[in-house]
Amino acid sequence: MTMIKLNIHEAKTHLSKYLAKLKAGERILLCKRNQPVAQITALPELLMRPRPIGLAKGNFTVPRSFFKPLPDELLDAFEGRET
C-alpha cells in the first residue's frame, strides 16, 4: 500500500482526484507546512444487500392498544398546539 503526502492546500484544491486514489487502496498523509497532522484512509466498502424481511419475527408482539387513536392532549403536543 502506498502513501501520498499532501499539504493541506493541495488536498483542498484537488480533493476529488485524491479520493479516487483512496478507493484504489492508497493512504493520504495530510501535512501542515510539511509536518504530518493526519492520515486519511478509505473506509471498508459496505455490503449493499437488501435486508431480509422478518428478522425479528416471533421476538415481540404489538399490542392492540398500539392501533388505538392517541389522546387529544398528546396529539396537540405533537402538533404544537397549546392545551
PDB file of N, CA and C in Angstrom:
ATOM      1  N   MET A   1       0.854  -1.177   0.000  1.00  0.00           N
ATOM      2  CA  MET A   1       0.000   0.000   0.000  1.00  0.00           C
ATOM      3  C   MET A   1       0.898   1.239   0.000  1.00  0.00           C
ATOM      4  N   THR A   2       0.596   2.179  -0.863  1.00  0.00           N
ATOM      5  CA  THR A   2       1.420   3.379  -0.945  1.00  0.00           C
ATOM      6  C   THR A   2       0.783   4.515  -0.160  1.00  0.00           C
ATOM      7  N   MET A   3       1.599   5.523   0.119  1.00  0.00           N
ATOM      8  CA  MET A   3       1.102   6.670   0.859  1.00  0.00           C
ATOM      9  C   MET A   3       1.414   7.934   0.068  1.00  0.00           C
ATOM     10  N   ILE A   4       0.417   8.791  -0.066  1.00  0.00           N
ATOM     11  CA  ILE A   4       0.555  10.071  -0.753  1.00  0.00           C
ATOM     12  C   ILE A   4       0.710  11.142   0.317  1.00  0.00           C
ATOM     13  N   LYS A   5       1.748  11.959   0.209  1.00  0.00           N
ATOM     14  CA  LYS A   5       1.981  13.030   1.170  1.00  0.00           C
ATOM     15  C   LYS A   5       1.477  14.334   0.552  1.00  0.00           C
ATOM     16  N   LEU A   6       0.522  14.985   1.234  1.00  0.00           N
ATOM     17  CA  LEU A   6      -0.082  16.215   0.715  1.00  0.00           C
ATOM     18  C   LEU A   6      -0.100  17.296   1.765  1.00  0.00           C
ATOM     19  N   ASN A   7       0.172  18.519   1.343  1.00  0.00           N
ATOM     20  CA  ASN A   7      -0.074  19.652   2.213  1.00  0.00           C
ATOM     21  C   ASN A   7      -1.555  20.006   2.119  1.00  0.00           C
ATOM     22  N   ILE A   8      -2.071  20.670   3.116  1.00  0.00           N
ATOM     23  CA  ILE A   8      -3.496  20.963   3.212  1.00  0.00           C
ATOM     24  C   ILE A   8      -4.009  21.709   1.980  1.00  0.00           C
ATOM     25  N   HIS A   9      -3.275  22.688   1.498  1.00  0.00           N
ATOM     26  CA  HIS A   9      -3.719  23.446   0.328  1.00  0.00           C
ATOM     27  C   HIS A   9      -3.905  22.540  -0.884  1.00  0.00           C
ATOM     28  N   GLU A  10      -2.961  21.663  -1.132  1.00  0.00           N
ATOM     29  CA  GLU A  10      -3.053  20.730  -2.263  1.00  0.00           C
ATOM     30  C   GLU A  10      -4.245  19.791  -2.106  1.00  0.00           C
ATOM     31  N   ALA A  11      -4.482  19.325  -0.889  1.00  0.00           N
ATOM     32  CA  ALA A  11      -5.612  18.428  -0.637  1.00  0.00           C
ATOM     33  C   ALA A  11      -6.935  19.144  -0.878  1.00  0.00           C
ATOM     34  N   LYS A  12      -7.050  20.395  -0.431  1.00  0.00           N
ATOM     35  CA  LYS A  12      -8.292  21.147  -0.641  1.00  0.00           C
ATOM     36  C   LYS A  12      -8.513  21.432  -2.122  1.00  0.00           C
ATOM     37  N   THR A  13      -7.449  21.723  -2.833  1.00  0.00           N
ATOM     38  CA  THR A  13      -7.563  22.080  -4.238  1.00  0.00           C
ATOM     39  C   THR A  13      -7.945  20.895  -5.117  1.00  0.00           C
ATOM     40  N   HIS A  14      -7.432  19.708  -4.800  1.00  0.00           N
ATOM     41  CA  HIS A  14      -7.622  18.542  -5.664  1.00  0.00           C
ATOM     42  C   HIS A  14      -8.227  17.350  -4.914  1.00  0.00           C
ATOM     43  N   LEU A  15      -9.121  17.633  -3.972  1.00  0.00           N
ATOM     44  CA  LEU A  15      -9.664  16.579  -3.115  1.00  0.00           C
ATOM     45  C   LEU A  15     -10.300  15.436  -3.900  1.00  0.00           C
ATOM     46  N   SER A  16     -11.130  15.739  -4.889  1.00  0.00           N
ATOM     47  CA  SER A  16     -11.833  14.670  -5.606  1.00  0.00           C
ATOM     48  C   SER A  16     -10.858  13.729  -6.312  1.00  0.00           C
ATOM     49  N   LYS A  17      -9.766  14.257  -6.837  1.00  0.00           N
ATOM     50  CA  LYS A  17      -8.765  13.423  -7.506  1.00  0.00           C
ATOM     51  C   LYS A  17      -8.134  12.439  -6.507  1.00  0.00           C
ATOM     52  N   TYR A  18      -7.858  12.922  -5.311  1.00  0.00           N
ATOM     53  CA  TYR A  18      -7.205  12.067  -4.324  1.00  0.00           C
ATOM     54  C   TYR A  18      -8.173  11.072  -3.682  1.00  0.00           C
ATOM     55  N   LEU A  19      -9.447  11.427  -3.583  1.00  0.00           N
ATOM     56  CA  LEU A  19     -10.426  10.476  -3.041  1.00  0.00           C
ATOM     57  C   LEU A  19     -10.527   9.239  -3.920  1.00  0.00           C
ATOM     58  N   ALA A  20     -10.421   9.415  -5.221  1.00  0.00           N
ATOM     59  CA  ALA A  20     -10.445   8.270  -6.131  1.00  0.00           C
ATOM     60  C   ALA A  20      -9.251   7.349  -5.867  1.00  0.00           C
ATOM     61  N   LYS A  21      -8.123   7.921  -5.525  1.00  0.00           N
ATOM     62  CA  LYS A  21      -6.936   7.099  -5.231  1.00  0.00           C
ATOM     63  C   LYS A  21      -7.094   6.332  -3.926  1.00  0.00           C
ATOM     64  N   LEU A  22      -7.847   6.904  -2.974  1.00  0.00           N
ATOM     65  CA  LEU A  22      -8.095   6.196  -1.711  1.00  0.00           C
ATOM     66  C   LEU A  22      -8.822   4.884  -1.968  1.00  0.00           C
ATOM     67  N   LYS A  23      -9.789   4.908  -2.882  1.00  0.00           N
ATOM     68  CA  LYS A  23     -10.537   3.699  -3.195  1.00  0.00           C
ATOM     69  C   LYS A  23      -9.626   2.615  -3.764  1.00  0.00           C
ATOM     70  N   ALA A  24      -8.550   3.037  -4.410  1.00  0.00           N
ATOM     71  CA  ALA A  24      -7.611   2.077  -5.000  1.00  0.00           C
ATOM     72  C   ALA A  24      -6.662   1.491  -3.951  1.00  0.00           C
ATOM     73  N   GLY A  25      -6.819   1.889  -2.685  1.00  0.00           N
ATOM     74  CA  GLY A  25      -6.014   1.303  -1.621  1.00  0.00           C
ATOM     75  C   GLY A  25      -4.885   2.173  -1.102  1.00  0.00           C
ATOM     76  N   GLU A  26      -4.738   3.360  -1.646  1.00  0.00           N
ATOM     77  CA  GLU A  26      -3.675   4.233  -1.168  1.00  0.00           C
ATOM     78  C   GLU A  26      -4.116   4.966   0.093  1.00  0.00           C
ATOM     79  N   ARG A  27      -3.155   5.513   0.810  1.00  0.00           N
ATOM     80  CA  ARG A  27      -3.424   6.325   2.003  1.00  0.00           C
ATOM     81  C   ARG A  27      -2.868   7.722   1.755  1.00  0.00           C
ATOM     82  N   ILE A  28      -3.469   8.704   2.419  1.00  0.00           N
ATOM     83  CA  ILE A  28      -3.001  10.083   2.290  1.00  0.00           C
ATOM     84  C   ILE A  28      -2.467  10.538   3.641  1.00  0.00           C
ATOM     85  N   LEU A  29      -1.254  11.065   3.632  1.00  0.00           N
ATOM     86  CA  LEU A  29      -0.664  11.663   4.821  1.00  0.00           C
ATOM     87  C   LEU A  29      -0.851  13.163   4.654  1.00  0.00           C
ATOM     88  N   LEU A  30      -1.731  13.753   5.458  1.00  0.00           N
ATOM     89  CA  LEU A  30      -2.064  15.161   5.354  1.00  0.00           C
ATOM     90  C   LEU A  30      -1.099  15.965   6.225  1.00  0.00           C
ATOM     91  N   CYS A  31      -0.474  16.976   5.625  1.00  0.00           N
ATOM     92  CA  CYS A  31       0.560  17.740   6.317  1.00  0.00           C
ATOM     93  C   CYS A  31       0.201  19.218   6.384  1.00  0.00           C
ATOM     94  N   LYS A  32       0.689  19.857   7.432  1.00  0.00           N
ATOM     95  CA  LYS A  32       0.601  21.307   7.571  1.00  0.00           C
ATOM     96  C   LYS A  32       2.032  21.813   7.636  1.00  0.00           C
ATOM     97  N   ARG A  33       2.419  22.556   6.611  1.00  0.00           N
ATOM     98  CA  ARG A  33       3.805  23.026   6.471  1.00  0.00           C
ATOM     99  C   ARG A  33       4.786  21.859   6.511  1.00  0.00           C
ATOM    100  N   ASN A  34       4.451  20.826   5.780  1.00  0.00           N
ATOM    101  CA  ASN A  34       5.264  19.602   5.635  1.00  0.00           C
ATOM    102  C   ASN A  34       5.388  18.783   6.909  1.00  0.00           C
ATOM    103  N   GLN A  35       4.590  19.087   7.922  1.00  0.00           N
ATOM    104  CA  GLN A  35       4.572  18.304   9.153  1.00  0.00           C
ATOM    105  C   GLN A  35       3.285  17.478   9.179  1.00  0.00           C
ATOM    106  N   PRO A  36       3.369  16.161   9.282  1.00  0.00           N
ATOM    107  CA  PRO A  36       2.169  15.319   9.272  1.00  0.00           C
ATOM    108  C   PRO A  36       1.214  15.658  10.415  1.00  0.00           C
ATOM    109  N   VAL A  37      -0.080  15.765  10.078  1.00  0.00           N
ATOM    110  CA  VAL A  37      -1.096  16.033  11.084  1.00  0.00           C
ATOM    111  C   VAL A  37      -2.208  14.993  11.081  1.00  0.00           C
ATOM    112  N   ALA A  38      -2.380  14.275   9.967  1.00  0.00           N
ATOM    113  CA  ALA A  38      -3.449  13.282   9.896  1.00  0.00           C
ATOM    114  C   ALA A  38      -3.164  12.294   8.776  1.00  0.00           C
ATOM    115  N   GLN A  39      -3.769  11.142   8.924  1.00  0.00           N
ATOM    116  CA  GLN A  39      -3.697  10.132   7.872  1.00  0.00           C
ATOM    117  C   GLN A  39      -5.116   9.829   7.425  1.00  0.00           C
ATOM    118  N   ILE A  40      -5.336   9.825   6.132  1.00  0.00           N
ATOM    119  CA  ILE A  40      -6.660   9.553   5.579  1.00  0.00           C
ATOM    120  C   ILE A  40      -6.622   8.208   4.874  1.00  0.00           C
ATOM    121  N   THR A  41      -7.566   7.343   5.240  1.00  0.00           N
ATOM    122  CA  THR A  41      -7.680   6.040   4.583  1.00  0.00           C
ATOM    123  C   THR A  41      -9.128   5.836   4.158  1.00  0.00           C
ATOM    124  N   ALA A  42      -9.323   4.978   3.194  1.00  0.00           N
ATOM    125  CA  ALA A  42     -10.681   4.679   2.733  1.00  0.00           C
ATOM    126  C   ALA A  42     -11.378   3.795   3.763  1.00  0.00           C
ATOM    127  N   LEU A  43     -12.670   3.963   3.870  1.00  0.00           N
ATOM    128  CA  LEU A  43     -13.475   3.093   4.725  1.00  0.00           C
ATOM    129  C   LEU A  43     -13.737   1.780   3.989  1.00  0.00           C
ATOM    130  N   PRO A  44     -13.916   0.698   4.725  1.00  0.00           N
ATOM    131  CA  PRO A  44     -14.249  -0.550   4.041  1.00  0.00           C
ATOM    132  C   PRO A  44     -15.599  -0.407   3.341  1.00  0.00           C
ATOM    133  N   GLU A  45     -15.714  -1.050   2.199  1.00  0.00           N
ATOM    134  CA  GLU A  45     -16.971  -0.952   1.446  1.00  0.00           C
ATOM    135  C   GLU A  45     -18.080  -1.672   2.185  1.00  0.00           C
ATOM    136  N   LEU A  46     -19.250  -1.047   2.197  1.00  0.00           N
ATOM    137  CA  LEU A  46     -20.409  -1.634   2.850  1.00  0.00           C
ATOM    138  C   LEU A  46     -21.062  -2.628   1.909  1.00  0.00           C
ATOM    139  N   LEU A  47     -21.542  -3.706   2.468  1.00  0.00           N
ATOM    140  CA  LEU A  47     -22.292  -4.646   1.660  1.00  0.00           C
ATOM    141  C   LEU A  47     -23.652  -4.036   1.378  1.00  0.00           C
ATOM    142  N   MET A  48     -24.048  -4.014   0.154  1.00  0.00           N
ATOM    143  CA  MET A  48     -25.302  -3.378  -0.221  1.00  0.00           C
ATOM    144  C   MET A  48     -26.374  -4.424  -0.536  1.00  0.00           C
ATOM    145  N   ARG A  49     -26.453  -5.445   0.288  1.00  0.00           N
ATOM    146  CA  ARG A  49     -27.504  -6.439   0.121  1.00  0.00           C
ATOM    147  C   ARG A  49     -28.762  -5.947   0.807  1.00  0.00           C
ATOM    148  N   PRO A  50     -29.920  -6.216   0.219  1.00  0.00           N
ATOM    149  CA  PRO A  50     -31.149  -5.833   0.908  1.00  0.00           C
ATOM    150  C   PRO A  50     -31.316  -6.647   2.190  1.00  0.00           C
ATOM    151  N   ARG A  51     -31.860  -6.008   3.210  1.00  0.00           N
ATOM    152  CA  ARG A  51     -32.088  -6.710   4.469  1.00  0.00           C
ATOM    153  C   ARG A  51     -33.276  -7.645   4.308  1.00  0.00           C
ATOM    154  N   PRO A  52     -33.159  -8.855   4.807  1.00  0.00           N
ATOM    155  CA  PRO A  52     -34.301  -9.769   4.716  1.00  0.00           C
ATOM    156  C   PRO A  52     -35.448  -9.304   5.607  1.00  0.00           C
ATOM    157  N   ILE A  53     -36.648  -9.554   5.157  1.00  0.00           N
ATOM    158  CA  ILE A  53     -37.841  -9.165   5.908  1.00  0.00           C
ATOM    159  C   ILE A  53     -38.139 -10.241   6.944  1.00  0.00           C
ATOM    160  N   GLY A  54     -38.534  -9.811   8.124  1.00  0.00           N
ATOM    161  CA  GLY A  54     -38.962 -10.753   9.148  1.00  0.00           C
ATOM    162  C   GLY A  54     -37.876 -11.234  10.088  1.00  0.00           C
ATOM    163  N   LEU A  55     -36.784 -10.503  10.219  1.00  0.00           N
ATOM    164  CA  LEU A  55     -35.691 -10.939  11.101  1.00  0.00           C
ATOM    165  C   LEU A  55     -36.121 -11.054  12.562  1.00  0.00           C
ATOM    166  N   ALA A  56     -37.063 -10.216  12.993  1.00  0.00           N
ATOM    167  CA  ALA A  56     -37.486 -10.224  14.400  1.00  0.00           C
ATOM    168  C   ALA A  56     -38.801 -10.974  14.602  1.00  0.00           C
ATOM    169  N   LYS A  57     -39.229 -11.715  13.602  1.00  0.00           N
ATOM    170  CA  LYS A  57     -40.499 -12.419  13.706  1.00  0.00           C
ATOM    171  C   LYS A  57     -40.482 -13.357  14.918  1.00  0.00           C
ATOM    172  N   GLY A  58     -41.527 -13.225  15.746  1.00  0.00           N
ATOM    173  CA  GLY A  58     -41.636 -14.067  16.926  1.00  0.00           C
ATOM    174  C   GLY A  58     -40.928 -13.525  18.156  1.00  0.00           C
ATOM    175  N   ASN A  59     -40.170 -12.449  18.024  1.00  0.00           N
ATOM    176  CA  ASN A  59     -39.442 -11.892  19.159  1.00  0.00           C
ATOM    177  C   ASN A  59     -40.291 -10.930  19.992  1.00  0.00           C
ATOM    178  N   PHE A  60     -41.352 -10.387  19.421  1.00  0.00           N
ATOM    179  CA  PHE A  60     -42.220  -9.480  20.162  1.00  0.00           C
ATOM    180  C   PHE A  60     -43.590  -9.464  19.489  1.00  0.00           C
ATOM    181  N   THR A  61     -44.551  -8.948  20.219  1.00  0.00           N
ATOM    182  CA  THR A  61     -45.883  -8.769  19.656  1.00  0.00           C
ATOM    183  C   THR A  61     -46.304  -7.320  19.856  1.00  0.00           C
ATOM    184  N   VAL A  62     -47.086  -6.813  18.933  1.00  0.00           N
ATOM    185  CA  VAL A  62     -47.586  -5.447  19.016  1.00  0.00           C
ATOM    186  C   VAL A  62     -48.958  -5.514  19.679  1.00  0.00           C
ATOM    187  N   PRO A  63     -49.127  -4.846  20.814  1.00  0.00           N
ATOM    188  CA  PRO A  63     -50.428  -4.904  21.492  1.00  0.00           C
ATOM    189  C   PRO A  63     -51.499  -4.166  20.685  1.00  0.00           C
ATOM    190  N   ARG A  64     -52.754  -4.589  20.857  1.00  0.00           N
ATOM    191  CA  ARG A  64     -53.864  -3.944  20.141  1.00  0.00           C
ATOM    192  C   ARG A  64     -53.962  -2.458  20.476  1.00  0.00           C
ATOM    193  N   SER A  65     -53.585  -2.072  21.688  1.00  0.00           N
ATOM    194  CA  SER A  65     -53.664  -0.668  22.096  1.00  0.00           C
ATOM    195  C   SER A  65     -52.777   0.233  21.224  1.00  0.00           C
ATOM    196  N   PHE A  66     -51.788  -0.335  20.576  1.00  0.00           N
ATOM    197  CA  PHE A  66     -50.901   0.425  19.700  1.00  0.00           C
ATOM    198  C   PHE A  66     -51.688   1.104  18.574  1.00  0.00           C
ATOM    199  N   PHE A  67     -52.744   0.460  18.121  1.00  0.00           N
ATOM    200  CA  PHE A  67     -53.511   0.953  16.983  1.00  0.00           C
ATOM    201  C   PHE A  67     -54.661   1.880  17.377  1.00  0.00           C
ATOM    202  N   LYS A  68     -54.878   2.079  18.661  1.00  0.00           N
ATOM    203  CA  LYS A  68     -55.941   2.979  19.115  1.00  0.00           C
ATOM    204  C   LYS A  68     -55.511   4.427  18.870  1.00  0.00           C
ATOM    205  N   PRO A  69     -56.478   5.335  18.627  1.00  0.00           N
ATOM    206  CA  PRO A  69     -56.126   6.746  18.429  1.00  0.00           C
ATOM    207  C   PRO A  69     -55.440   7.318  19.670  1.00  0.00           C
ATOM    208  N   LEU A  70     -54.540   8.254  19.434  1.00  0.00           N
ATOM    209  CA  LEU A  70     -53.846   8.909  20.544  1.00  0.00           C
ATOM    210  C   LEU A  70     -54.786   9.872  21.242  1.00  0.00           C
ATOM    211  N   PRO A  71     -54.580  10.098  22.544  1.00  0.00           N
ATOM    212  CA  PRO A  71     -55.395  11.082  23.269  1.00  0.00           C
ATOM    213  C   PRO A  71     -55.192  12.481  22.675  1.00  0.00           C
ATOM    214  N   ASP A  72     -56.239  13.321  22.774  1.00  0.00           N
ATOM    215  CA  ASP A  72     -56.179  14.663  22.198  1.00  0.00           C
ATOM    216  C   ASP A  72     -55.018  15.479  22.729  1.00  0.00           C
ATOM    217  N   GLU A  73     -54.721  15.397  24.032  1.00  0.00           N
ATOM    218  CA  GLU A  73     -53.626  16.208  24.584  1.00  0.00           C
ATOM    219  C   GLU A  73     -52.270  15.790  24.003  1.00  0.00           C
ATOM    220  N   LEU A  74     -52.108  14.520  23.696  1.00  0.00           N
ATOM    221  CA  LEU A  74     -50.856  14.062  23.094  1.00  0.00           C
ATOM    222  C   LEU A  74     -50.771  14.517  21.638  1.00  0.00           C
ATOM    223  N   LEU A  75     -51.874  14.429  20.911  1.00  0.00           N
ATOM    224  CA  LEU A  75     -51.897  14.935  19.532  1.00  0.00           C
ATOM    225  C   LEU A  75     -51.603  16.426  19.492  1.00  0.00           C
ATOM    226  N   ASP A  76     -52.187  17.173  20.429  1.00  0.00           N
ATOM    227  CA  ASP A  76     -51.931  18.611  20.499  1.00  0.00           C
ATOM    228  C   ASP A  76     -50.449  18.889  20.738  1.00  0.00           C
ATOM    229  N   ALA A  77     -49.834  18.133  21.601  1.00  0.00           N
ATOM    230  CA  ALA A  77     -48.410  18.319  21.898  1.00  0.00           C
ATOM    231  C   ALA A  77     -47.558  18.046  20.649  1.00  0.00           C
ATOM    232  N   PHE A  78     -47.880  16.996  19.903  1.00  0.00           N
ATOM    233  CA  PHE A  78     -47.136  16.680  18.695  1.00  0.00           C
ATOM    234  C   PHE A  78     -47.306  17.763  17.637  1.00  0.00           C
ATOM    235  N   GLU A  79     -48.468  18.350  17.581  1.00  0.00           N
ATOM    236  CA  GLU A  79     -48.762  19.349  16.558  1.00  0.00           C
ATOM    237  C   GLU A  79     -48.458  20.780  17.015  1.00  0.00           C
ATOM    238  N   GLY A  80     -47.930  20.927  18.226  1.00  0.00           N
ATOM    239  CA  GLY A  80     -47.514  22.237  18.726  1.00  0.00           C
ATOM    240  C   GLY A  80     -48.656  23.141  19.156  1.00  0.00           C
ATOM    241  N   ARG A  81     -49.795  22.561  19.437  1.00  0.00           N
ATOM    242  CA  ARG A  81     -50.935  23.368  19.889  1.00  0.00           C
ATOM    243  C   ARG A  81     -50.940  23.441  21.404  1.00  0.00           C
ATOM    244  N   GLU A  82     -51.368  24.573  21.910  1.00  0.00           N
ATOM    245  CA  GLU A  82     -51.488  24.764  23.358  1.00  0.00           C
ATOM    246  C   GLU A  82     -52.707  24.004  23.868  1.00  0.00           C
ATOM    247  N   THR A  83     -52.599  23.455  25.064  1.00  0.00           N
ATOM    248  CA  THR A  83     -53.741  22.746  25.653  1.00  0.00           C
ATOM    249  C   THR A  83     -54.386  23.565  26.733  1.00  0.00           C
TER     250      THR A  83
END
